[in-house]
Amino acid sequence: QVHLVESGGGLVRPGGSLRLSCAVSGSWFRQNVMAWFRQAPGKQRELIASIFSEDGTNYADSVKGRFTISRDNAKKTVYLQMDSLKPEDTAVYFCNRVPQPFPWGQGTQVTVSS
């Protein structure tokens, strides 16, 4: 079965940058729409970025202009480049397929604090 492993999170100061990676094991289909989500304590998981192809991406207003989603089909990996990070970006970040998700991974913690 498909397994998702997120990595790259950590503690960063406001204004800093991080690049998250999502490694996919199992069958990879180029036509899959992949996405990044985040969930803060006490809040629902929210979709923040999705990608079908290099010219087919979508972003939530809260991250538009600061985050960039990309994918490397040969490496079966999805990336999220996060720039100009704010404390409000603090959350656990997950990747998954949309609209039909695979089993959820453990996510990776991003903490933005001075």
N, C-alpha and C. Protein backbone atom coordinates (compact mmCIF):
# COMPACT_ATOMS: atom_id res chain seq x y z
N GLN A 1 0.84 -1.19 0.00
CA GLN A 1 0.00 0.00 0.00
C GLN A 1 0.89 1.25 0.00
N VAL A 2 0.36 2.34 -0.50
CA VAL A 2 1.10 3.59 -0.57
C VAL A 2 1.40 4.09 0.84
N HIS A 3 2.64 4.54 1.05
CA HIS A 3 3.08 5.07 2.33
C HIS A 3 3.70 6.44 2.09
N LEU A 4 3.34 7.42 2.92
CA LEU A 4 3.81 8.78 2.80
C LEU A 4 4.69 9.13 3.99
N VAL A 5 5.86 9.70 3.73
CA VAL A 5 6.78 10.10 4.79
C VAL A 5 7.18 11.54 4.58
N GLU A 6 6.75 12.41 5.49
CA GLU A 6 7.09 13.83 5.44
C GLU A 6 8.36 14.09 6.25
N SER A 7 9.17 15.04 5.79
CA SER A 7 10.39 15.40 6.50
C SER A 7 10.76 16.84 6.19
N GLY A 8 11.71 17.37 6.93
CA GLY A 8 12.23 18.71 6.67
C GLY A 8 11.78 19.78 7.63
N GLY A 9 10.87 19.45 8.53
CA GLY A 9 10.40 20.44 9.49
C GLY A 9 11.43 20.74 10.55
N GLY A 10 11.14 21.75 11.36
CA GLY A 10 12.04 22.13 12.41
C GLY A 10 11.66 23.48 12.99
N LEU A 11 12.56 24.02 13.79
CA LEU A 11 12.38 25.33 14.41
C LEU A 11 13.08 26.38 13.58
N VAL A 12 12.36 27.43 13.23
CA VAL A 12 12.92 28.50 12.41
C VAL A 12 12.41 29.84 12.91
N ARG A 13 13.23 30.88 12.78
CA ARG A 13 12.83 32.21 13.19
C ARG A 13 11.89 32.86 12.17
N PRO A 14 11.05 33.79 12.61
CA PRO A 14 10.20 34.50 11.65
C PRO A 14 11.03 35.10 10.52
N GLY A 15 10.51 34.98 9.30
CA GLY A 15 11.22 35.44 8.12
C GLY A 15 12.13 34.41 7.51
N GLY A 16 12.32 33.29 8.18
CA GLY A 16 13.19 32.24 7.69
C GLY A 16 12.52 31.35 6.67
N SER A 17 13.24 30.32 6.25
CA SER A 17 12.78 29.41 5.20
C SER A 17 13.00 27.96 5.59
N LEU A 18 12.16 27.10 5.06
CA LEU A 18 12.30 25.65 5.18
C LEU A 18 11.82 25.01 3.89
N ARG A 19 12.37 23.85 3.57
CA ARG A 19 11.86 23.05 2.47
C ARG A 19 11.44 21.70 2.99
N LEU A 20 10.17 21.39 2.84
CA LEU A 20 9.62 20.11 3.26
C LEU A 20 9.64 19.13 2.10
N SER A 21 9.81 17.85 2.43
CA SER A 21 9.78 16.79 1.43
C SER A 21 8.75 15.75 1.82
N CYS A 22 8.12 15.17 0.83
CA CYS A 22 7.16 14.09 1.02
C CYS A 22 7.56 12.96 0.10
N ALA A 23 8.08 11.89 0.67
CA ALA A 23 8.49 10.72 -0.10
C ALA A 23 7.33 9.74 -0.19
N VAL A 24 7.08 9.26 -1.39
CA VAL A 24 5.96 8.35 -1.64
C VAL A 24 6.51 6.97 -1.99
N SER A 25 6.11 5.97 -1.23
CA SER A 25 6.45 4.59 -1.55
C SER A 25 5.22 3.91 -2.12
N GLY A 26 5.44 2.98 -3.04
CA GLY A 26 4.34 2.33 -3.72
C GLY A 26 4.20 2.90 -5.12
N SER A 27 3.10 2.57 -5.75
CA SER A 27 2.87 3.01 -7.12
C SER A 27 2.72 4.52 -7.20
N TRP A 28 3.43 5.12 -8.15
CA TRP A 28 3.36 6.56 -8.38
C TRP A 28 2.73 6.81 -9.73
N PHE A 29 1.72 7.63 -9.72
CA PHE A 29 1.04 7.99 -10.95
C PHE A 29 1.20 9.48 -11.21
N ARG A 30 1.74 9.82 -12.36
CA ARG A 30 1.97 11.21 -12.69
C ARG A 30 0.69 12.03 -12.71
N GLN A 31 -0.43 11.38 -12.96
CA GLN A 31 -1.68 12.10 -13.01
C GLN A 31 -2.30 12.35 -11.64
N ASN A 32 -1.68 11.82 -10.58
CA ASN A 32 -2.16 12.10 -9.23
C ASN A 32 -2.05 13.58 -8.93
N VAL A 33 -3.08 14.14 -8.31
CA VAL A 33 -3.00 15.48 -7.75
C VAL A 33 -2.52 15.35 -6.31
N MET A 34 -1.39 15.97 -5.99
CA MET A 34 -0.83 15.90 -4.66
C MET A 34 -0.95 17.25 -3.97
N ALA A 35 -0.97 17.22 -2.64
CA ALA A 35 -1.20 18.45 -1.90
C ALA A 35 -0.47 18.43 -0.56
N TRP A 36 -0.25 19.63 -0.04
CA TRP A 36 0.23 19.81 1.33
C TRP A 36 -0.90 20.36 2.19
N PHE A 37 -0.98 19.84 3.41
CA PHE A 37 -1.94 20.27 4.41
C PHE A 37 -1.19 20.67 5.67
N ARG A 38 -1.85 21.41 6.54
CA ARG A 38 -1.27 21.68 7.85
C ARG A 38 -2.37 21.68 8.90
N GLN A 39 -1.98 21.36 10.13
CA GLN A 39 -2.94 21.31 11.23
C GLN A 39 -2.27 21.82 12.49
N ALA A 40 -2.83 22.88 13.06
CA ALA A 40 -2.38 23.42 14.32
C ALA A 40 -3.24 22.84 15.44
N PRO A 41 -2.73 22.81 16.68
CA PRO A 41 -3.52 22.26 17.79
C PRO A 41 -4.87 22.95 17.92
N GLY A 42 -5.93 22.14 18.05
CA GLY A 42 -7.27 22.67 18.21
C GLY A 42 -7.92 23.17 16.94
N LYS A 43 -7.26 23.01 15.80
CA LYS A 43 -7.80 23.48 14.53
C LYS A 43 -7.92 22.32 13.55
N GLN A 44 -8.79 22.48 12.56
CA GLN A 44 -8.95 21.47 11.53
C GLN A 44 -7.77 21.49 10.57
N ARG A 45 -7.52 20.35 9.95
CA ARG A 45 -6.53 20.27 8.92
C ARG A 45 -6.97 21.13 7.73
N GLU A 46 -6.07 21.93 7.20
CA GLU A 46 -6.40 22.78 6.07
C GLU A 46 -5.48 22.50 4.89
N LEU A 47 -6.04 22.54 3.70
CA LEU A 47 -5.26 22.38 2.48
C LEU A 47 -4.61 23.72 2.14
N ILE A 48 -3.30 23.71 1.92
CA ILE A 48 -2.60 24.96 1.66
C ILE A 48 -1.99 25.03 0.26
N ALA A 49 -1.75 23.89 -0.38
CA ALA A 49 -1.16 23.91 -1.71
C ALA A 49 -1.41 22.58 -2.40
N SER A 50 -1.65 22.60 -3.70
CA SER A 50 -1.85 21.39 -4.48
C SER A 50 -1.15 21.52 -5.82
N ILE A 51 -0.83 20.37 -6.40
CA ILE A 51 -0.14 20.36 -7.68
C ILE A 51 -0.57 19.18 -8.53
N PHE A 52 -0.85 19.45 -9.80
CA PHE A 52 -1.06 18.41 -10.79
C PHE A 52 0.14 18.34 -11.73
N SER A 53 0.59 19.49 -12.17
CA SER A 53 1.76 19.61 -13.02
C SER A 53 2.47 20.91 -12.68
N GLU A 54 3.60 21.17 -13.35
CA GLU A 54 4.36 22.38 -13.04
C GLU A 54 3.56 23.64 -13.32
N ASP A 55 2.67 23.58 -14.29
CA ASP A 55 1.83 24.73 -14.60
C ASP A 55 0.42 24.56 -14.07
N GLY A 56 0.24 23.61 -13.16
CA GLY A 56 -1.06 23.37 -12.56
C GLY A 56 -0.97 23.31 -11.06
N THR A 57 -0.88 24.47 -10.41
CA THR A 57 -0.76 24.55 -8.96
C THR A 57 -1.82 25.46 -8.40
N ASN A 58 -2.11 25.30 -7.11
CA ASN A 58 -3.09 26.12 -6.43
C ASN A 58 -2.64 26.32 -4.99
N TYR A 59 -2.92 27.51 -4.44
CA TYR A 59 -2.48 27.86 -3.09
C TYR A 59 -3.60 28.52 -2.31
N ALA A 60 -3.60 28.26 -1.00
CA ALA A 60 -4.48 28.99 -0.11
C ALA A 60 -4.01 30.43 -0.01
N ASP A 61 -4.94 31.35 0.23
CA ASP A 61 -4.59 32.76 0.33
C ASP A 61 -3.55 33.02 1.42
N SER A 62 -3.58 32.22 2.48
CA SER A 62 -2.69 32.44 3.60
C SER A 62 -1.22 32.19 3.28
N VAL A 63 -0.94 31.42 2.22
CA VAL A 63 0.44 31.09 1.88
C VAL A 63 0.84 31.55 0.49
N LYS A 64 -0.11 32.05 -0.29
CA LYS A 64 0.17 32.45 -1.66
C LYS A 64 1.26 33.52 -1.70
N GLY A 65 2.23 33.32 -2.57
CA GLY A 65 3.34 34.25 -2.69
C GLY A 65 4.50 33.94 -1.78
N ARG A 66 4.30 33.06 -0.80
CA ARG A 66 5.36 32.70 0.13
C ARG A 66 5.79 31.24 0.00
N PHE A 67 4.84 30.35 -0.32
CA PHE A 67 5.12 28.92 -0.43
C PHE A 67 5.07 28.49 -1.88
N THR A 68 5.87 27.48 -2.24
CA THR A 68 5.88 26.93 -3.58
C THR A 68 5.87 25.42 -3.52
N ILE A 69 4.88 24.79 -4.15
CA ILE A 69 4.80 23.34 -4.22
C ILE A 69 5.40 22.86 -5.53
N SER A 70 6.11 21.74 -5.48
CA SER A 70 6.69 21.15 -6.68
C SER A 70 6.73 19.64 -6.51
N ARG A 71 7.01 18.94 -7.60
CA ARG A 71 7.09 17.49 -7.54
C ARG A 71 8.17 16.98 -8.47
N ASP A 72 8.78 15.87 -8.10
CA ASP A 72 9.77 15.18 -8.90
C ASP A 72 9.26 13.76 -9.07
N ASN A 73 8.65 13.48 -10.21
CA ASN A 73 8.04 12.18 -10.42
C ASN A 73 9.07 11.05 -10.44
N ALA A 74 10.27 11.33 -10.95
CA ALA A 74 11.31 10.31 -10.99
C ALA A 74 11.72 9.90 -9.58
N LYS A 75 11.76 10.85 -8.65
CA LYS A 75 12.12 10.57 -7.27
C LYS A 75 10.91 10.22 -6.41
N LYS A 76 9.72 10.31 -6.98
CA LYS A 76 8.47 10.07 -6.25
C LYS A 76 8.43 10.91 -4.98
N THR A 77 8.68 12.20 -5.15
CA THR A 77 8.75 13.12 -4.03
C THR A 77 8.02 14.42 -4.36
N VAL A 78 7.31 14.94 -3.36
CA VAL A 78 6.65 16.23 -3.45
C VAL A 78 7.33 17.17 -2.47
N TYR A 79 7.53 18.42 -2.87
CA TYR A 79 8.23 19.40 -2.05
C TYR A 79 7.35 20.59 -1.73
N LEU A 80 7.66 21.24 -0.63
CA LEU A 80 7.04 22.52 -0.28
C LEU A 80 8.14 23.46 0.18
N GLN A 81 8.45 24.45 -0.65
CA GLN A 81 9.40 25.48 -0.29
C GLN A 81 8.64 26.58 0.44
N MET A 82 9.05 26.87 1.67
CA MET A 82 8.37 27.85 2.51
C MET A 82 9.33 28.99 2.81
N ASP A 83 8.97 30.18 2.37
CA ASP A 83 9.77 31.38 2.59
C ASP A 83 8.96 32.39 3.39
N SER A 84 9.66 33.36 3.96
CA SER A 84 9.02 34.42 4.75
C SER A 84 8.07 33.85 5.79
N LEU A 85 8.55 32.88 6.53
CA LEU A 85 7.70 32.18 7.49
C LEU A 85 7.25 33.09 8.62
N LYS A 86 6.03 32.87 9.06
CA LYS A 86 5.40 33.63 10.13
C LYS A 86 5.05 32.71 11.29
N PRO A 87 4.91 33.24 12.50
CA PRO A 87 4.47 32.39 13.62
C PRO A 87 3.16 31.66 13.34
N GLU A 88 2.27 32.28 12.56
CA GLU A 88 1.00 31.65 12.22
C GLU A 88 1.16 30.41 11.35
N ASP A 89 2.34 30.19 10.79
CA ASP A 89 2.59 29.00 9.99
C ASP A 89 2.92 27.78 10.86
N THR A 90 3.06 27.97 12.16
CA THR A 90 3.38 26.87 13.05
C THR A 90 2.27 25.82 13.02
N ALA A 91 2.64 24.59 12.70
CA ALA A 91 1.67 23.51 12.56
C ALA A 91 2.41 22.22 12.22
N VAL A 92 1.67 21.12 12.22
CA VAL A 92 2.17 19.87 11.66
C VAL A 92 1.77 19.84 10.20
N TYR A 93 2.71 19.59 9.32
CA TYR A 93 2.48 19.60 7.88
C TYR A 93 2.41 18.18 7.34
N PHE A 94 1.40 17.92 6.53
CA PHE A 94 1.17 16.61 5.92
C PHE A 94 1.08 16.75 4.41
N CYS A 95 1.41 15.68 3.70
CA CYS A 95 1.13 15.61 2.28
C CYS A 95 0.13 14.50 2.03
N ASN A 96 -0.57 14.58 0.91
CA ASN A 96 -1.48 13.52 0.53
C ASN A 96 -2.05 13.78 -0.86
N ARG A 97 -2.73 12.79 -1.39
CA ARG A 97 -3.42 12.91 -2.66
C ARG A 97 -4.78 13.55 -2.45
N VAL A 98 -5.22 14.31 -3.43
CA VAL A 98 -6.56 14.88 -3.40
C VAL A 98 -7.26 14.54 -4.71
N PRO A 99 -8.56 14.32 -4.66
CA PRO A 99 -9.44 14.35 -3.50
C PRO A 99 -9.53 13.03 -2.74
N GLN A 100 -8.95 11.97 -3.29
CA GLN A 100 -8.99 10.67 -2.65
C GLN A 100 -7.66 10.42 -1.93
N PRO A 101 -7.59 10.56 -0.60
CA PRO A 101 -6.31 10.46 0.10
C PRO A 101 -5.81 9.04 0.27
N PHE A 102 -4.51 8.90 0.31
CA PHE A 102 -3.86 7.68 0.77
C PHE A 102 -3.92 7.67 2.30
N PRO A 103 -3.49 6.56 2.95
CA PRO A 103 -3.35 6.62 4.41
C PRO A 103 -2.41 7.77 4.81
N TRP A 104 -2.79 8.50 5.85
CA TRP A 104 -2.02 9.66 6.28
C TRP A 104 -0.70 9.26 6.92
N GLY A 105 0.34 10.04 6.64
CA GLY A 105 1.62 9.86 7.31
C GLY A 105 1.63 10.54 8.66
N GLN A 106 2.82 10.60 9.28
CA GLN A 106 2.94 11.20 10.61
C GLN A 106 3.05 12.71 10.57
N GLY A 107 3.36 13.26 9.41
CA GLY A 107 3.55 14.70 9.30
C GLY A 107 4.91 15.13 9.83
N THR A 108 5.22 16.41 9.62
CA THR A 108 6.46 16.97 10.13
C THR A 108 6.16 18.32 10.78
N GLN A 109 6.71 18.53 11.96
CA GLN A 109 6.41 19.72 12.75
C GLN A 109 7.22 20.91 12.26
N VAL A 110 6.52 22.01 12.03
CA VAL A 110 7.15 23.29 11.71
C VAL A 110 6.81 24.27 12.82
N THR A 111 7.83 24.83 13.44
CA THR A 111 7.63 25.81 14.50
C THR A 111 8.36 27.09 14.12
N VAL A 112 7.62 28.19 14.05
CA VAL A 112 8.19 29.49 13.70
C VAL A 112 8.12 30.36 14.94
N SER A 113 9.28 30.65 15.51
CA SER A 113 9.33 31.40 16.76
C SER A 113 10.70 32.04 16.92
N SER A 114 10.72 33.20 17.56
CA SER A 114 11.97 33.86 17.88
C SER A 114 12.42 33.54 19.30
